[in-house]
Amino acid sequence: MGVTALNYAFREPAATNPVGILTFGLTAVWFLVAGLLMWSGRYARLLALLGFVAFLDLAAGFGASLAGVATIPTAAALIAGAVGGPIFWLWLGILLVRDAGKDSS
């Protein structure tokens, strides 16, 4: 059996992001900062908690990526990228649109 592009992509680290700094590290920091700002502001506490959960998930993925474990970063990416992230972004977008409507009145 030959090596497919998909198999190759999952075996080799990306040359531009070999240890997952951009994929997990910086995104995790962003979720932490956003969660802290939301926690101290007037946004929903549950949304801030979702940001903290996303931070912990991505930080675990980053640590596992540094350790060379292949399955944990994949699971972390699926959880944050397919479940937690879209819920966070959708909820935040709804709140921002709702708040923008209040300011324009």
N, C-alpha and C. Protein backbone atom coordinates (compact mmCIF):
# COMPACT_ATOMS: atom_id res chain seq x y z
N MET A 1 0.84 -1.19 0.00
CA MET A 1 0.00 0.00 0.00
C MET A 1 0.88 1.24 0.00
N GLY A 2 0.52 2.16 -0.82
CA GLY A 2 1.26 3.40 -0.89
C GLY A 2 0.83 4.37 0.20
N VAL A 3 1.66 5.34 0.43
CA VAL A 3 1.35 6.36 1.42
C VAL A 3 0.47 7.42 0.76
N THR A 4 -0.70 7.62 1.31
CA THR A 4 -1.58 8.64 0.77
C THR A 4 -1.21 9.99 1.35
N ALA A 5 -1.73 11.03 0.75
CA ALA A 5 -1.46 12.38 1.23
C ALA A 5 -1.99 12.57 2.64
N LEU A 6 -3.13 11.98 2.93
CA LEU A 6 -3.71 12.10 4.27
C LEU A 6 -2.84 11.41 5.31
N ASN A 7 -2.35 10.21 5.01
CA ASN A 7 -1.46 9.51 5.94
C ASN A 7 -0.18 10.30 6.15
N TYR A 8 0.36 10.86 5.09
CA TYR A 8 1.59 11.64 5.20
C TYR A 8 1.36 12.89 6.03
N ALA A 9 0.22 13.53 5.84
CA ALA A 9 -0.07 14.76 6.58
C ALA A 9 -0.17 14.51 8.08
N PHE A 10 -0.68 13.35 8.47
CA PHE A 10 -0.81 13.07 9.90
C PHE A 10 0.46 12.48 10.51
N ARG A 11 1.38 11.99 9.70
CA ARG A 11 2.63 11.43 10.22
C ARG A 11 3.70 12.49 10.46
N GLU A 12 3.81 13.41 9.55
CA GLU A 12 4.88 14.40 9.61
C GLU A 12 4.39 15.71 10.22
N PRO A 13 5.17 16.31 11.11
CA PRO A 13 4.78 17.63 11.62
C PRO A 13 4.93 18.67 10.52
N ALA A 14 4.09 19.67 10.59
CA ALA A 14 4.15 20.74 9.59
C ALA A 14 5.44 21.54 9.79
N ALA A 15 6.08 21.89 8.71
CA ALA A 15 7.34 22.64 8.80
C ALA A 15 7.12 24.02 9.42
N THR A 16 5.95 24.60 9.22
CA THR A 16 5.68 25.93 9.77
C THR A 16 5.13 25.88 11.19
N ASN A 17 4.73 24.72 11.66
CA ASN A 17 4.13 24.58 12.98
C ASN A 17 4.49 23.21 13.58
N PRO A 18 5.78 22.94 13.78
CA PRO A 18 6.18 21.58 14.14
C PRO A 18 5.71 21.10 15.51
N VAL A 19 5.55 21.96 16.47
CA VAL A 19 5.15 21.51 17.81
C VAL A 19 3.76 22.00 18.19
N GLY A 20 3.01 22.51 17.25
CA GLY A 20 1.64 22.92 17.53
C GLY A 20 1.50 24.26 18.22
N ILE A 21 2.51 25.12 18.11
CA ILE A 21 2.43 26.42 18.79
C ILE A 21 1.25 27.23 18.25
N LEU A 22 1.12 27.29 16.93
CA LEU A 22 0.02 28.07 16.36
C LEU A 22 -1.31 27.36 16.52
N THR A 23 -1.31 26.05 16.37
CA THR A 23 -2.56 25.30 16.43
C THR A 23 -3.13 25.28 17.84
N PHE A 24 -2.31 25.01 18.82
CA PHE A 24 -2.80 24.85 20.18
C PHE A 24 -2.36 25.99 21.10
N GLY A 25 -1.09 26.34 21.08
CA GLY A 25 -0.54 27.29 22.05
C GLY A 25 -1.16 28.67 21.99
N LEU A 26 -1.09 29.32 20.84
CA LEU A 26 -1.60 30.69 20.73
C LEU A 26 -3.12 30.74 20.81
N THR A 27 -3.78 29.75 20.27
CA THR A 27 -5.24 29.70 20.37
C THR A 27 -5.66 29.50 21.82
N ALA A 28 -4.94 28.68 22.56
CA ALA A 28 -5.24 28.48 23.98
C ALA A 28 -5.06 29.78 24.75
N VAL A 29 -3.99 30.51 24.47
CA VAL A 29 -3.77 31.80 25.15
C VAL A 29 -4.90 32.76 24.83
N TRP A 30 -5.35 32.78 23.56
CA TRP A 30 -6.44 33.66 23.19
C TRP A 30 -7.71 33.32 23.97
N PHE A 31 -8.04 32.03 24.07
CA PHE A 31 -9.24 31.64 24.82
C PHE A 31 -9.10 32.00 26.29
N LEU A 32 -7.90 31.90 26.85
CA LEU A 32 -7.70 32.28 28.25
C LEU A 32 -7.93 33.78 28.44
N VAL A 33 -7.34 34.59 27.59
CA VAL A 33 -7.50 36.05 27.69
C VAL A 33 -8.97 36.44 27.49
N ALA A 34 -9.61 35.86 26.48
CA ALA A 34 -11.02 36.16 26.23
C ALA A 34 -11.89 35.73 27.41
N GLY A 35 -11.61 34.56 27.97
CA GLY A 35 -12.37 34.08 29.12
C GLY A 35 -12.20 34.98 30.34
N LEU A 36 -10.97 35.42 30.59
CA LEU A 36 -10.72 36.32 31.72
C LEU A 36 -11.42 37.66 31.53
N LEU A 37 -11.38 38.21 30.32
CA LEU A 37 -12.06 39.47 30.06
C LEU A 37 -13.58 39.33 30.19
N MET A 38 -14.10 38.22 29.72
CA MET A 38 -15.55 37.99 29.84
C MET A 38 -15.95 37.76 31.29
N TRP A 39 -15.10 37.08 32.05
CA TRP A 39 -15.40 36.80 33.45
C TRP A 39 -15.49 38.10 34.25
N SER A 40 -14.59 39.05 33.95
CA SER A 40 -14.59 40.31 34.69
C SER A 40 -15.55 41.33 34.10
N GLY A 41 -16.08 41.07 32.93
CA GLY A 41 -16.99 42.01 32.27
C GLY A 41 -18.44 41.64 32.49
N ARG A 42 -19.27 42.08 31.56
CA ARG A 42 -20.71 41.87 31.70
C ARG A 42 -21.23 40.73 30.83
N TYR A 43 -20.35 39.90 30.33
CA TYR A 43 -20.78 38.77 29.50
C TYR A 43 -21.22 37.60 30.37
N ALA A 44 -21.90 36.66 29.75
CA ALA A 44 -22.42 35.50 30.47
C ALA A 44 -21.27 34.69 31.08
N ARG A 45 -21.43 34.32 32.33
CA ARG A 45 -20.40 33.53 33.03
C ARG A 45 -20.19 32.18 32.36
N LEU A 46 -21.27 31.59 31.85
CA LEU A 46 -21.16 30.29 31.20
C LEU A 46 -20.32 30.38 29.93
N LEU A 47 -20.42 31.49 29.22
CA LEU A 47 -19.58 31.69 28.03
C LEU A 47 -18.12 31.82 28.43
N ALA A 48 -17.84 32.54 29.52
CA ALA A 48 -16.47 32.65 30.02
C ALA A 48 -15.95 31.27 30.43
N LEU A 49 -16.79 30.48 31.09
CA LEU A 49 -16.38 29.13 31.48
C LEU A 49 -16.09 28.27 30.25
N LEU A 50 -16.89 28.43 29.20
CA LEU A 50 -16.63 27.70 27.96
C LEU A 50 -15.27 28.10 27.39
N GLY A 51 -14.92 29.38 27.50
CA GLY A 51 -13.60 29.83 27.08
C GLY A 51 -12.49 29.19 27.90
N PHE A 52 -12.70 29.06 29.21
CA PHE A 52 -11.71 28.40 30.06
C PHE A 52 -11.57 26.92 29.72
N VAL A 53 -12.69 26.27 29.44
CA VAL A 53 -12.64 24.85 29.05
C VAL A 53 -11.89 24.69 27.73
N ALA A 54 -12.15 25.59 26.79
CA ALA A 54 -11.42 25.55 25.51
C ALA A 54 -9.93 25.77 25.74
N PHE A 55 -9.59 26.68 26.66
CA PHE A 55 -8.18 26.90 26.99
C PHE A 55 -7.54 25.63 27.54
N LEU A 56 -8.20 24.99 28.49
CA LEU A 56 -7.64 23.77 29.08
C LEU A 56 -7.50 22.66 28.04
N ASP A 57 -8.49 22.53 27.17
CA ASP A 57 -8.45 21.52 26.12
C ASP A 57 -7.28 21.76 25.18
N LEU A 58 -7.13 23.00 24.73
CA LEU A 58 -6.05 23.31 23.79
C LEU A 58 -4.68 23.26 24.47
N ALA A 59 -4.61 23.66 25.74
CA ALA A 59 -3.34 23.57 26.47
C ALA A 59 -2.92 22.11 26.63
N ALA A 60 -3.89 21.23 26.88
CA ALA A 60 -3.58 19.80 26.97
C ALA A 60 -3.10 19.28 25.62
N GLY A 61 -3.74 19.73 24.55
CA GLY A 61 -3.30 19.34 23.20
C GLY A 61 -1.90 19.84 22.90
N PHE A 62 -1.58 21.05 23.35
CA PHE A 62 -0.25 21.61 23.13
C PHE A 62 0.79 20.81 23.91
N GLY A 63 0.49 20.52 25.17
CA GLY A 63 1.43 19.73 25.97
C GLY A 63 1.65 18.34 25.40
N ALA A 64 0.58 17.73 24.93
CA ALA A 64 0.71 16.40 24.32
C ALA A 64 1.48 16.47 23.02
N SER A 65 1.29 17.55 22.27
CA SER A 65 2.04 17.72 21.02
C SER A 65 3.53 17.86 21.31
N LEU A 66 3.87 18.59 22.37
CA LEU A 66 5.28 18.72 22.75
C LEU A 66 5.85 17.38 23.21
N ALA A 67 5.02 16.58 23.87
CA ALA A 67 5.47 15.28 24.36
C ALA A 67 5.54 14.23 23.26
N GLY A 68 4.98 14.54 22.10
CA GLY A 68 5.03 13.61 20.99
C GLY A 68 3.92 12.58 20.97
N VAL A 69 2.90 12.78 21.77
CA VAL A 69 1.75 11.87 21.78
C VAL A 69 0.83 12.28 20.63
N ALA A 70 0.46 11.33 19.79
CA ALA A 70 -0.28 11.67 18.58
C ALA A 70 -1.79 11.71 18.77
N THR A 71 -2.34 10.91 19.65
CA THR A 71 -3.80 10.82 19.74
C THR A 71 -4.43 11.95 20.54
N ILE A 72 -3.77 12.43 21.58
CA ILE A 72 -4.36 13.47 22.42
C ILE A 72 -4.51 14.79 21.66
N PRO A 73 -3.51 15.26 20.91
CA PRO A 73 -3.73 16.49 20.14
C PRO A 73 -4.87 16.37 19.13
N THR A 74 -5.02 15.20 18.54
CA THR A 74 -6.11 15.00 17.59
C THR A 74 -7.46 15.08 18.30
N ALA A 75 -7.57 14.45 19.45
CA ALA A 75 -8.82 14.51 20.22
C ALA A 75 -9.09 15.93 20.70
N ALA A 76 -8.04 16.62 21.16
CA ALA A 76 -8.21 18.00 21.61
C ALA A 76 -8.65 18.90 20.47
N ALA A 77 -8.09 18.69 19.30
CA ALA A 77 -8.48 19.49 18.14
C ALA A 77 -9.93 19.22 17.76
N LEU A 78 -10.36 17.98 17.85
CA LEU A 78 -11.75 17.66 17.54
C LEU A 78 -12.71 18.29 18.55
N ILE A 79 -12.36 18.21 19.82
CA ILE A 79 -13.24 18.77 20.85
C ILE A 79 -13.33 20.29 20.72
N ALA A 80 -12.17 20.94 20.65
CA ALA A 80 -12.17 22.40 20.58
C ALA A 80 -12.62 22.91 19.21
N GLY A 81 -12.23 22.21 18.16
CA GLY A 81 -12.53 22.70 16.82
C GLY A 81 -13.89 22.33 16.28
N ALA A 82 -14.45 21.22 16.74
CA ALA A 82 -15.73 20.78 16.20
C ALA A 82 -16.90 20.99 17.15
N VAL A 83 -16.61 21.15 18.44
CA VAL A 83 -17.71 21.29 19.40
C VAL A 83 -17.60 22.62 20.15
N GLY A 84 -16.59 22.74 20.98
CA GLY A 84 -16.47 23.92 21.84
C GLY A 84 -16.27 25.22 21.10
N GLY A 85 -15.39 25.22 20.11
CA GLY A 85 -15.12 26.44 19.36
C GLY A 85 -16.34 27.00 18.66
N PRO A 86 -17.04 26.20 17.85
CA PRO A 86 -18.23 26.73 17.17
C PRO A 86 -19.31 27.23 18.13
N ILE A 87 -19.51 26.53 19.26
CA ILE A 87 -20.49 27.00 20.24
C ILE A 87 -20.05 28.34 20.81
N PHE A 88 -18.77 28.45 21.15
CA PHE A 88 -18.23 29.70 21.70
C PHE A 88 -18.40 30.84 20.70
N TRP A 89 -17.99 30.61 19.45
CA TRP A 89 -18.05 31.68 18.44
C TRP A 89 -19.49 32.08 18.14
N LEU A 90 -20.38 31.12 18.03
CA LEU A 90 -21.78 31.42 17.74
C LEU A 90 -22.41 32.22 18.88
N TRP A 91 -22.18 31.78 20.10
CA TRP A 91 -22.73 32.46 21.26
C TRP A 91 -22.16 33.88 21.37
N LEU A 92 -20.86 34.02 21.21
CA LEU A 92 -20.24 35.34 21.28
C LEU A 92 -20.78 36.24 20.17
N GLY A 93 -20.92 35.72 18.96
CA GLY A 93 -21.47 36.50 17.86
C GLY A 93 -22.88 36.98 18.14
N ILE A 94 -23.71 36.10 18.69
CA ILE A 94 -25.08 36.49 19.03
C ILE A 94 -25.07 37.61 20.07
N LEU A 95 -24.22 37.50 21.09
CA LEU A 95 -24.14 38.54 22.11
C LEU A 95 -23.65 39.86 21.52
N LEU A 96 -22.66 39.81 20.65
CA LEU A 96 -22.14 41.04 20.05
C LEU A 96 -23.16 41.70 19.14
N VAL A 97 -23.88 40.93 18.35
CA VAL A 97 -24.92 41.50 17.48
C VAL A 97 -26.04 42.09 18.33
N ARG A 98 -26.43 41.38 19.38
CA ARG A 98 -27.48 41.88 20.26
C ARG A 98 -27.05 43.19 20.92
N ASP A 99 -25.80 43.26 21.40
CA ASP A 99 -25.31 44.47 22.03
C ASP A 99 -25.16 45.61 21.04
N ALA A 100 -24.78 45.32 19.80
CA ALA A 100 -24.66 46.36 18.78
C ALA A 100 -26.03 46.95 18.47
N GLY A 101 -27.08 46.14 18.50
CA GLY A 101 -28.43 46.63 18.28
C GLY A 101 -28.89 47.56 19.38
N LYS A 102 -28.46 47.30 20.61
CA LYS A 102 -28.82 48.17 21.73
C LYS A 102 -28.13 49.52 21.63
N ASP A 103 -26.87 49.53 21.17
CA ASP A 103 -26.11 50.77 21.08
C ASP A 103 -26.61 51.67 19.96
N SER A 104 -27.16 51.11 18.90
CA SER A 104 -27.59 51.93 17.77
C SER A 104 -28.96 52.56 17.99
N SER A 105 -29.70 52.11 19.02
CA SER A 105 -31.03 52.66 19.26
C SER A 105 -30.97 53.97 20.00
